[in-house]
């Protein structure tokens, strides 16, 4: 069982490294990607990386669903506050 978790965490770590490298590729090889494509790819990679980190390294995948819903609610509220702060500055 311990070797299974080591394999899982190693695979997640390698996936995070590949996604970080993909973000570098998007902006360094600008002859293949437009800025909008590079930005969209970077945002997609960031979302996937965030999901992997929260789900596996912070063990949210194995927690009760109520804790997961609480985390999603807090994320939604943070995004709402950021949007409100953005429009209150201008």
C-alpha atoms as a PDB file:
ATOM      1  CA  UNK A   1       0.000   0.000   0.000  1.00  0.00           C
ATOM      2  CA  UNK A   2       2.809   2.416   0.776  1.00  0.00           C
ATOM      3  CA  UNK A   3       4.361   1.865  -2.633  1.00  0.00           C
ATOM      4  CA  UNK A   4       1.022   2.668  -4.282  1.00  0.00           C
ATOM      5  CA  UNK A   5       0.865   6.053  -2.563  1.00  0.00           C
ATOM      6  CA  UNK A   6       4.501   6.755  -3.474  1.00  0.00           C
ATOM      7  CA  UNK A   7       3.704   5.939  -7.101  1.00  0.00           C
ATOM      8  CA  UNK A   8       0.621   8.152  -7.004  1.00  0.00           C
ATOM      9  CA  UNK A   9       2.442  11.116  -5.484  1.00  0.00           C
ATOM     10  CA  UNK A  10       5.338  10.664  -7.890  1.00  0.00           C
ATOM     11  CA  UNK A  11       2.936  10.670 -10.837  1.00  0.00           C
ATOM     12  CA  UNK A  12       1.225  13.808  -9.513  1.00  0.00           C
ATOM     13  CA  UNK A  13       4.604  15.499  -9.010  1.00  0.00           C
ATOM     14  CA  UNK A  14       5.687  14.630 -12.547  1.00  0.00           C
ATOM     15  CA  UNK A  15       2.376  15.952 -13.889  1.00  0.00           C
ATOM     16  CA  UNK A  16       2.953  19.238 -12.038  1.00  0.00           C
ATOM     17  CA  UNK A  17       6.430  19.530 -13.533  1.00  0.00           C
ATOM     18  CA  UNK A  18       5.104  18.818 -17.037  1.00  0.00           C
ATOM     19  CA  UNK A  19       2.371  21.439 -16.606  1.00  0.00           C
ATOM     20  CA  UNK A  20       4.902  24.001 -15.388  1.00  0.00           C
ATOM     21  CA  UNK A  21       7.092  23.244 -18.394  1.00  0.00           C
ATOM     22  CA  UNK A  22       4.057  23.585 -20.682  1.00  0.00           C
ATOM     23  CA  UNK A  23       3.507  27.115 -19.375  1.00  0.00           C
ATOM     24  CA  UNK A  24       7.092  27.936 -20.340  1.00  0.00           C
ATOM     25  CA  UNK A  25       6.626  26.422 -23.807  1.00  0.00           C
ATOM     26  CA  UNK A  26       3.465  28.444 -24.470  1.00  0.00           C
ATOM     27  CA  UNK A  27       5.247  31.780 -24.138  1.00  0.00           C
ATOM     28  CA  UNK A  28       8.740  30.934 -25.358  1.00  0.00           C
ATOM     29  CA  UNK A  29       7.664  29.427 -28.672  1.00  0.00           C
ATOM     30  CA  UNK A  30       5.577  32.366 -29.793  1.00  0.00           C
ATOM     31  CA  UNK A  31       5.916  31.379 -33.454  1.00  0.00           C
ATOM     32  CA  UNK A  32       3.547  28.461 -32.720  1.00  0.00           C
ATOM     33  CA  UNK A  33       1.134  30.128 -30.292  1.00  0.00           C
ATOM     34  CA  UNK A  34      -0.606  33.478 -30.353  1.00  0.00           C
ATOM     35  CA  UNK A  35      -0.706  35.435 -27.106  1.00  0.00           C
ATOM     36  CA  UNK A  36      -4.345  34.488 -26.564  1.00  0.00           C
ATOM     37  CA  UNK A  37      -3.583  30.786 -27.063  1.00  0.00           C
ATOM     38  CA  UNK A  38      -0.594  30.981 -24.721  1.00  0.00           C
ATOM     39  CA  UNK A  39      -2.657  32.801 -22.101  1.00  0.00           C
ATOM     40  CA  UNK A  40      -5.533  30.302 -22.382  1.00  0.00           C
ATOM     41  CA  UNK A  41      -3.116  27.371 -22.175  1.00  0.00           C
ATOM     42  CA  UNK A  42      -1.400  28.883 -19.149  1.00  0.00           C
ATOM     43  CA  UNK A  43      -4.704  29.460 -17.372  1.00  0.00           C
ATOM     44  CA  UNK A  44      -5.818  25.913 -18.164  1.00  0.00           C
ATOM     45  CA  UNK A  45      -2.548  24.497 -16.845  1.00  0.00           C
ATOM     46  CA  UNK A  46      -2.884  26.613 -13.696  1.00  0.00           C
ATOM     47  CA  UNK A  47      -6.390  25.314 -13.043  1.00  0.00           C
ATOM     48  CA  UNK A  48      -5.266  21.713 -13.491  1.00  0.00           C
ATOM     49  CA  UNK A  49      -2.240  22.271 -11.242  1.00  0.00           C
ATOM     50  CA  UNK A  50      -4.427  23.859  -8.569  1.00  0.00           C
ATOM     51  CA  UNK A  51      -6.836  20.932  -8.704  1.00  0.00           C
ATOM     52  CA  UNK A  52      -4.019  18.401  -8.369  1.00  0.00           C
ATOM     53  CA  UNK A  53      -2.433  20.225  -5.448  1.00  0.00           C
ATOM     54  CA  UNK A  54      -5.688  20.697  -3.559  1.00  0.00           C
ATOM     55  CA  UNK A  55      -7.004  17.209  -4.264  1.00  0.00           C
ATOM     56  CA  UNK A  56      -3.889  15.181  -3.545  1.00  0.00           C
ATOM     57  CA  UNK A  57      -1.285  17.146  -1.603  1.00  0.00           C
ATOM     58  CA  UNK A  58      -3.847  18.797   0.644  1.00  0.00           C
ATOM     59  CA  UNK A  59      -5.803  15.513   0.827  1.00  0.00           C
ATOM     60  CA  UNK A  60      -9.127  17.114  -0.063  1.00  0.00           C
ATOM     61  CA  UNK A  61      -9.971  14.175  -2.305  1.00  0.00           C
ATOM     62  CA  UNK A  62     -10.318  11.867   0.692  1.00  0.00           C
ATOM     63  CA  UNK A  63     -12.178  14.299   2.966  1.00  0.00           C
ATOM     64  CA  UNK A  64     -15.913  14.480   3.564  1.00  0.00           C
ATOM     65  CA  UNK A  65     -17.910  16.132   0.795  1.00  0.00           C
ATOM     66  CA  UNK A  66     -19.070  18.821   3.218  1.00  0.00           C
ATOM     67  CA  UNK A  67     -15.479  20.036   3.596  1.00  0.00           C
ATOM     68  CA  UNK A  68     -15.086  20.078  -0.175  1.00  0.00           C
ATOM     69  CA  UNK A  69     -18.247  22.147  -0.525  1.00  0.00           C
ATOM     70  CA  UNK A  70     -17.023  24.514   2.183  1.00  0.00           C
ATOM     71  CA  UNK A  71     -13.755  25.003   0.288  1.00  0.00           C
ATOM     72  CA  UNK A  72     -15.656  25.688  -2.943  1.00  0.00           C
ATOM     73  CA  UNK A  73     -17.871  28.198  -1.138  1.00  0.00           C
ATOM     74  CA  UNK A  74     -14.830  29.997   0.252  1.00  0.00           C
ATOM     75  CA  UNK A  75     -13.262  30.093  -3.237  1.00  0.00           C
ATOM     76  CA  UNK A  76     -16.449  31.584  -4.664  1.00  0.00           C
ATOM     77  CA  UNK A  77     -16.544  34.222  -1.937  1.00  0.00           C
ATOM     78  CA  UNK A  78     -12.892  35.153  -2.506  1.00  0.00           C
ATOM     79  CA  UNK A  79     -13.564  35.552  -6.225  1.00  0.00           C
ATOM     80  CA  UNK A  80     -16.615  37.687  -5.437  1.00  0.00           C
ATOM     81  CA  UNK A  81     -14.567  39.913  -3.124  1.00  0.00           C
ATOM     82  CA  UNK A  82     -11.854  40.263  -5.759  1.00  0.00           C
ATOM     83  CA  UNK A  83     -14.419  41.293  -8.354  1.00  0.00           C
ATOM     84  CA  UNK A  84     -15.961  43.798  -5.940  1.00  0.00           C
ATOM     85  CA  UNK A  85     -12.542  45.246  -5.106  1.00  0.00           C
ATOM     86  CA  UNK A  86     -11.702  45.546  -8.799  1.00  0.00           C
ATOM     87  CA  UNK A  87     -14.822  47.569  -9.566  1.00  0.00           C
ATOM     88  CA  UNK A  88     -14.543  49.714  -6.449  1.00  0.00           C
ATOM     89  CA  UNK A  89     -11.065  50.950  -7.431  1.00  0.00           C
ATOM     90  CA  UNK A  90     -12.117  52.367 -10.796  1.00  0.00           C
END
